[in-house]
Every structure is written in C-alpha cells, then in structure tokens.
Amino acid sequence: LKQSKMFTDSSPLKELMSHFSQAGEVVLIQVRPASRQPMQSVTETYAHIGKGLEGDRYKGTADSKRQVTLIQAEHLDAVASYLGKETIDPALTRRNIVVKGINLLALKDHRIQIGDAILEMTGLCQPCSRMEEHFGVGGYNAMRGHGGITAKVIQEGTIRVGDEVSKL
C-alpha cells in the first residue's frame, strides 16, 4: 500500500512523522550559470515559479519537478567518509542549496518554507555520472542515498544563507 493510503489523518505514525525537533538552516546557496560550468556561491537568490533559482541555468516550466535541488550538510560528511576523505567541496555535488539541522527526506508530503519562498519536495536527487568525474572512482556510489532532494517552487521569494528551513 502507498503510504498515503496506509495512514489516516489520525494515525499515530502520521502524527509522529509531522514532528521536527528543530528548524534547519541554509548554509550555502549555489547556482550554475551554464551547463558543465562550475557552481557559483551566492549569499542570496530569488526562487521563481517554473524557473528555479535566479542565476541558475535551469529554465523549466511551472510543472517541472526539478526546479531546485537541496542536500544536507550532514550527508556531505557521509559522502566524504565513503570516499576516504576528510571533507568534500559541496560545489562538486551540483546541488543548489545546502542545509543543516533538518532531515530533508522527512519533509516529504510537506511544503518547505525557506526564507520568503515555499518549495515542495518532488523526489530524490539521484547522483549522475558526473559524480565519478568530480570525486573519482566510487563517487557515484558514495552519493547514492545521499544526493538530496528535488523541489519545485510553490511561492516565489528570496532565499538567503542563514535562512531557516522548516515545514509548513
């Protein structure tokens, strides 16, 4: 059964899944101005419905599911460990927003408030072959399960480094 059919609105598990101990925080924002170009770090950006983040090469449509990509800072540590490194450069993951302090996967079925913008998780952000290029042999597998999420913009607004990340 699909999760949505397994739990009623009054289900104890559904109630538990709505609790978060704290809000997260945006620690890095990155945009890629063109395909295969390096990510550029910015302190703020504007999230546009159907287009993703200002300055990012992505120019989708309002119904596109991959307007913004997010990854957890905690997962960067895991990927580094799997690669036998102390740290990795977040730019090499090609994700737009790095957050800390909140489990992004737990935001499934919730809208996400980040600064003035509201996003909606649309799926997992699976690794691509570029991870082998960026991290070397095993880079793809190191990112599996730790690639973050994709989201679409529901409400436009400014997102800044230091903004709170919370469920609505």
C-alpha atoms as a PDB file:
ATOM      1  CA  LEU A   1       0.000   0.000   0.000  1.00  0.00           C
ATOM      2  CA  LYS A   2       1.120   3.520  -0.641  1.00  0.00           C
ATOM      3  CA  GLN A   3       1.996   5.486   2.456  1.00  0.00           C
ATOM      4  CA  SER A   4      -0.853   7.922   1.890  1.00  0.00           C
ATOM      5  CA  LYS A   5      -3.386   5.058   1.944  1.00  0.00           C
ATOM      6  CA  MET A   6      -1.800   3.287   4.913  1.00  0.00           C
ATOM      7  CA  PHE A   7      -2.197   6.153   7.339  1.00  0.00           C
ATOM      8  CA  THR A   8      -5.320   8.066   8.151  1.00  0.00           C
ATOM      9  CA  ASP A   9      -5.191  11.673   9.294  1.00  0.00           C
ATOM     10  CA  SER A  10      -5.488  10.459  12.885  1.00  0.00           C
ATOM     11  CA  SER A  11      -2.815   7.736  12.593  1.00  0.00           C
ATOM     12  CA  PRO A  12      -0.221   7.794  15.420  1.00  0.00           C
ATOM     13  CA  LEU A  13       2.551   7.278  12.858  1.00  0.00           C
ATOM     14  CA  LYS A  14       1.302  10.165  10.735  1.00  0.00           C
ATOM     15  CA  GLU A  15       1.368  12.316  13.855  1.00  0.00           C
ATOM     16  CA  LEU A  16       4.963  11.247  14.641  1.00  0.00           C
ATOM     17  CA  MET A  17       6.029  11.989  11.068  1.00  0.00           C
ATOM     18  CA  SER A  18       4.829  15.582  11.424  1.00  0.00           C
ATOM     19  CA  HIS A  19       7.128  16.381  14.386  1.00  0.00           C
ATOM     20  CA  PHE A  20      10.517  18.058  13.935  1.00  0.00           C
ATOM     21  CA  SER A  21      12.827  18.850  16.838  1.00  0.00           C
ATOM     22  CA  GLN A  22      14.164  21.992  15.191  1.00  0.00           C
ATOM     23  CA  ALA A  23      14.215  24.014  12.018  1.00  0.00           C
ATOM     24  CA  GLY A  24      17.121  23.666   9.645  1.00  0.00           C
ATOM     25  CA  GLU A  25      19.350  26.406   8.269  1.00  0.00           C
ATOM     26  CA  VAL A  26      20.615  27.314   4.801  1.00  0.00           C
ATOM     27  CA  VAL A  27      24.420  27.142   4.927  1.00  0.00           C
ATOM     28  CA  LEU A  28      25.233  27.509   1.215  1.00  0.00           C
ATOM     29  CA  ILE A  29      23.464  28.610  -1.980  1.00  0.00           C
ATOM     30  CA  GLN A  30      24.941  27.741  -5.373  1.00  0.00           C
ATOM     31  CA  VAL A  31      23.854  28.399  -8.933  1.00  0.00           C
ATOM     32  CA  ARG A  32      25.274  27.137 -12.199  1.00  0.00           C
ATOM     33  CA  PRO A  33      25.059  29.774 -14.937  1.00  0.00           C
ATOM     34  CA  ALA A  34      25.630  27.290 -17.783  1.00  0.00           C
ATOM     35  CA  SER A  35      25.799  23.562 -18.387  1.00  0.00           C
ATOM     36  CA  ARG A  36      29.056  21.929 -17.231  1.00  0.00           C
ATOM     37  CA  GLN A  37      30.259  25.210 -15.716  1.00  0.00           C
ATOM     38  CA  PRO A  38      31.435  25.495 -12.095  1.00  0.00           C
ATOM     39  CA  MET A  39      28.869  26.252  -9.435  1.00  0.00           C
ATOM     40  CA  GLN A  40      28.907  29.822  -8.155  1.00  0.00           C
ATOM     41  CA  SER A  41      28.270  30.516  -4.493  1.00  0.00           C
ATOM     42  CA  VAL A  42      25.867  33.381  -3.731  1.00  0.00           C
ATOM     43  CA  THR A  43      24.635  34.797  -0.427  1.00  0.00           C
ATOM     44  CA  GLU A  44      21.065  35.150  -1.685  1.00  0.00           C
ATOM     45  CA  THR A  45      18.906  34.355  -4.675  1.00  0.00           C
ATOM     46  CA  TYR A  46      15.310  34.622  -5.772  1.00  0.00           C
ATOM     47  CA  ALA A  47      13.202  31.490  -6.301  1.00  0.00           C
ATOM     48  CA  HIS A  48      10.931  31.782  -9.364  1.00  0.00           C
ATOM     49  CA  ILE A  49       7.940  29.568 -10.050  1.00  0.00           C
ATOM     50  CA  GLY A  50       8.741  27.382 -13.040  1.00  0.00           C
ATOM     51  CA  LYS A  51      12.304  28.662 -13.368  1.00  0.00           C
ATOM     52  CA  GLY A  52      14.017  27.726 -10.125  1.00  0.00           C
ATOM     53  CA  LEU A  53      16.706  29.955  -8.699  1.00  0.00           C
ATOM     54  CA  GLU A  54      17.760  33.240 -10.256  1.00  0.00           C
ATOM     55  CA  GLY A  55      21.162  32.876 -11.859  1.00  0.00           C
ATOM     56  CA  ASP A  56      20.839  29.121 -12.280  1.00  0.00           C
ATOM     57  CA  ARG A  57      20.927  27.700 -15.802  1.00  0.00           C
ATOM     58  CA  TYR A  58      17.713  25.790 -15.250  1.00  0.00           C
ATOM     59  CA  LYS A  59      14.829  27.253 -17.235  1.00  0.00           C
ATOM     60  CA  GLY A  60      11.974  24.841 -16.731  1.00  0.00           C
ATOM     61  CA  THR A  61       8.239  25.101 -16.771  1.00  0.00           C
ATOM     62  CA  ALA A  62       5.815  25.596 -13.901  1.00  0.00           C
ATOM     63  CA  ASP A  63       5.144  21.852 -13.753  1.00  0.00           C
ATOM     64  CA  SER A  64       8.835  20.813 -13.770  1.00  0.00           C
ATOM     65  CA  LYS A  65       9.809  18.728 -10.777  1.00  0.00           C
ATOM     66  CA  ARG A  66      13.488  19.701 -10.643  1.00  0.00           C
ATOM     67  CA  GLN A  67      13.459  23.475 -10.212  1.00  0.00           C
ATOM     68  CA  VAL A  68      15.678  23.480  -7.098  1.00  0.00           C
ATOM     69  CA  THR A  69      17.988  20.845  -5.622  1.00  0.00           C
ATOM     70  CA  LEU A  70      18.792  20.584  -1.915  1.00  0.00           C
ATOM     71  CA  ILE A  71      21.281  18.481   0.031  1.00  0.00           C
ATOM     72  CA  GLN A  72      22.009  18.080   3.723  1.00  0.00           C
ATOM     73  CA  ALA A  73      25.384  19.213   5.059  1.00  0.00           C
ATOM     74  CA  GLU A  74      25.357  16.102   7.233  1.00  0.00           C
ATOM     75  CA  HIS A  75      25.261  13.956   4.098  1.00  0.00           C
ATOM     76  CA  LEU A  76      28.336  15.696   2.719  1.00  0.00           C
ATOM     77  CA  ASP A  77      30.220  14.316   5.718  1.00  0.00           C
ATOM     78  CA  ALA A  78      28.912  10.822   4.963  1.00  0.00           C
ATOM     79  CA  VAL A  79      29.927  11.043   1.291  1.00  0.00           C
ATOM     80  CA  ALA A  80      33.385  12.280   2.284  1.00  0.00           C
ATOM     81  CA  SER A  81      33.731   9.310   4.638  1.00  0.00           C
ATOM     82  CA  TYR A  82      32.720   6.864   1.882  1.00  0.00           C
ATOM     83  CA  LEU A  83      35.392   8.412  -0.343  1.00  0.00           C
ATOM     84  CA  GLY A  84      38.065   8.211   2.358  1.00  0.00           C
ATOM     85  CA  LYS A  85      38.342  11.996   2.601  1.00  0.00           C
ATOM     86  CA  GLU A  86      38.029  14.445   5.473  1.00  0.00           C
ATOM     87  CA  THR A  87      35.680  16.740   3.530  1.00  0.00           C
ATOM     88  CA  ILE A  88      34.315  17.299   0.047  1.00  0.00           C
ATOM     89  CA  ASP A  89      33.601  20.518  -1.794  1.00  0.00           C
ATOM     90  CA  PRO A  90      29.785  20.940  -1.835  1.00  0.00           C
ATOM     91  CA  ALA A  91      30.041  22.541  -5.286  1.00  0.00           C
ATOM     92  CA  LEU A  92      31.052  19.156  -6.697  1.00  0.00           C
ATOM     93  CA  THR A  93      27.633  17.711  -5.790  1.00  0.00           C
ATOM     94  CA  ARG A  94      25.983  20.232  -8.166  1.00  0.00           C
ATOM     95  CA  ARG A  95      23.155  20.935  -5.664  1.00  0.00           C
ATOM     96  CA  ASN A  96      21.666  24.419  -5.278  1.00  0.00           C
ATOM     97  CA  ILE A  97      21.064  24.654  -1.538  1.00  0.00           C
ATOM     98  CA  VAL A  98      22.956  23.029   1.323  1.00  0.00           C
ATOM     99  CA  VAL A  99      21.036  22.866   4.600  1.00  0.00           C
ATOM    100  CA  LYS A 100      21.902  21.600   8.061  1.00  0.00           C
ATOM    101  CA  GLY A 101      19.914  20.561  11.096  1.00  0.00           C
ATOM    102  CA  ILE A 102      16.816  19.077   9.424  1.00  0.00           C
ATOM    103  CA  ASN A 103      16.192  15.768   7.676  1.00  0.00           C
ATOM    104  CA  LEU A 104      15.165  16.703   4.132  1.00  0.00           C
ATOM    105  CA  LEU A 105      13.627  13.274   3.474  1.00  0.00           C
ATOM    106  CA  ALA A 106      11.281  13.798   6.417  1.00  0.00           C
ATOM    107  CA  LEU A 107       9.827  16.794   4.558  1.00  0.00           C
ATOM    108  CA  LYS A 108       8.090  14.515   2.061  1.00  0.00           C
ATOM    109  CA  ASP A 109       4.411  15.468   1.787  1.00  0.00           C
ATOM    110  CA  HIS A 110       5.095  18.817   3.470  1.00  0.00           C
ATOM    111  CA  ARG A 111       5.666  22.214   1.957  1.00  0.00           C
ATOM    112  CA  ILE A 112       9.025  23.710   2.882  1.00  0.00           C
ATOM    113  CA  GLN A 113       9.488  27.329   3.933  1.00  0.00           C
ATOM    114  CA  ILE A 114      12.949  28.713   3.152  1.00  0.00           C
ATOM    115  CA  GLY A 115      13.222  32.447   3.639  1.00  0.00           C
ATOM    116  CA  ASP A 116      10.360  34.068   1.727  1.00  0.00           C
ATOM    117  CA  ALA A 117       9.983  31.118  -0.675  1.00  0.00           C
ATOM    118  CA  ILE A 118       7.887  27.998  -0.352  1.00  0.00           C
ATOM    119  CA  LEU A 119       9.071  24.792  -2.007  1.00  0.00           C
ATOM    120  CA  GLU A 120       7.555  21.359  -2.373  1.00  0.00           C
ATOM    121  CA  MET A 121       9.670  18.199  -2.432  1.00  0.00           C
ATOM    122  CA  THR A 122       9.167  16.375  -5.735  1.00  0.00           C
ATOM    123  CA  GLY A 123      11.595  13.493  -5.356  1.00  0.00           C
ATOM    124  CA  LEU A 124      15.074  12.275  -4.623  1.00  0.00           C
ATOM    125  CA  CYS A 125      18.018  13.879  -6.360  1.00  0.00           C
ATOM    126  CA  GLN A 126      19.832  10.833  -7.660  1.00  0.00           C
ATOM    127  CA  PRO A 127      23.543  11.016  -8.478  1.00  0.00           C
ATOM    128  CA  CYS A 128      24.703  11.121 -12.080  1.00  0.00           C
ATOM    129  CA  SER A 129      27.872  10.030 -13.859  1.00  0.00           C
ATOM    130  CA  ARG A 130      29.392  13.455 -13.115  1.00  0.00           C
ATOM    131  CA  MET A 131      29.944  12.239  -9.545  1.00  0.00           C
ATOM    132  CA  GLU A 132      32.635   9.870 -10.871  1.00  0.00           C
ATOM    133  CA  GLU A 133      34.202  12.815 -12.722  1.00  0.00           C
ATOM    134  CA  HIS A 134      34.168  15.017  -9.625  1.00  0.00           C
ATOM    135  CA  PHE A 135      35.023  12.510  -6.901  1.00  0.00           C
ATOM    136  CA  GLY A 136      36.843   9.756  -8.794  1.00  0.00           C
ATOM    137  CA  VAL A 137      36.113   6.053  -8.888  1.00  0.00           C
ATOM    138  CA  GLY A 138      33.292   5.271  -6.456  1.00  0.00           C
ATOM    139  CA  GLY A 139      31.906   8.803  -6.466  1.00  0.00           C
ATOM    140  CA  TYR A 140      28.587   7.672  -7.897  1.00  0.00           C
ATOM    141  CA  ASN A 141      28.092   5.012  -5.227  1.00  0.00           C
ATOM    142  CA  ALA A 142      29.245   7.345  -2.451  1.00  0.00           C
ATOM    143  CA  MET A 143      26.429   9.737  -3.389  1.00  0.00           C
ATOM    144  CA  ARG A 144      23.734   7.039  -3.628  1.00  0.00           C
ATOM    145  CA  GLY A 145      21.171   7.629  -0.909  1.00  0.00           C
ATOM    146  CA  HIS A 146      22.841  10.931  -0.009  1.00  0.00           C
ATOM    147  CA  GLY A 147      22.127  13.052  -3.084  1.00  0.00           C
ATOM    148  CA  GLY A 148      19.423  15.183  -1.508  1.00  0.00           C
ATOM    149  CA  ILE A 149      16.039  16.103  -2.935  1.00  0.00           C
ATOM    150  CA  THR A 150      14.473  17.906  -5.852  1.00  0.00           C
ATOM    151  CA  ALA A 151      11.784  20.519  -5.321  1.00  0.00           C
ATOM    152  CA  LYS A 152       9.568  22.913  -7.193  1.00  0.00           C
ATOM    153  CA  VAL A 153       8.812  26.493  -6.260  1.00  0.00           C
ATOM    154  CA  ILE A 154       5.244  26.945  -4.952  1.00  0.00           C
ATOM    155  CA  GLN A 155       5.624  30.549  -3.804  1.00  0.00           C
ATOM    156  CA  GLU A 156       8.297  32.914  -5.107  1.00  0.00           C
ATOM    157  CA  GLY A 157      10.636  34.674  -2.746  1.00  0.00           C
ATOM    158  CA  THR A 158      14.162  35.470  -1.650  1.00  0.00           C
ATOM    159  CA  ILE A 159      16.347  32.772  -0.105  1.00  0.00           C
ATOM    160  CA  ARG A 160      19.441  33.791   1.856  1.00  0.00           C
ATOM    161  CA  VAL A 161      22.309  31.982   3.564  1.00  0.00           C
ATOM    162  CA  GLY A 162      21.286  31.714   7.226  1.00  0.00           C
ATOM    163  CA  ASP A 163      17.555  31.426   6.465  1.00  0.00           C
ATOM    164  CA  GLU A 164      15.511  28.970   8.459  1.00  0.00           C
ATOM    165  CA  VAL A 165      14.298  25.787   6.737  1.00  0.00           C
ATOM    166  CA  SER A 166      11.025  24.463   8.143  1.00  0.00           C
ATOM    167  CA  LYS A 167       7.937  22.508   7.211  1.00  0.00           C
ATOM    168  CA  LEU A 168       4.628  24.240   6.743  1.00  0.00           C
END
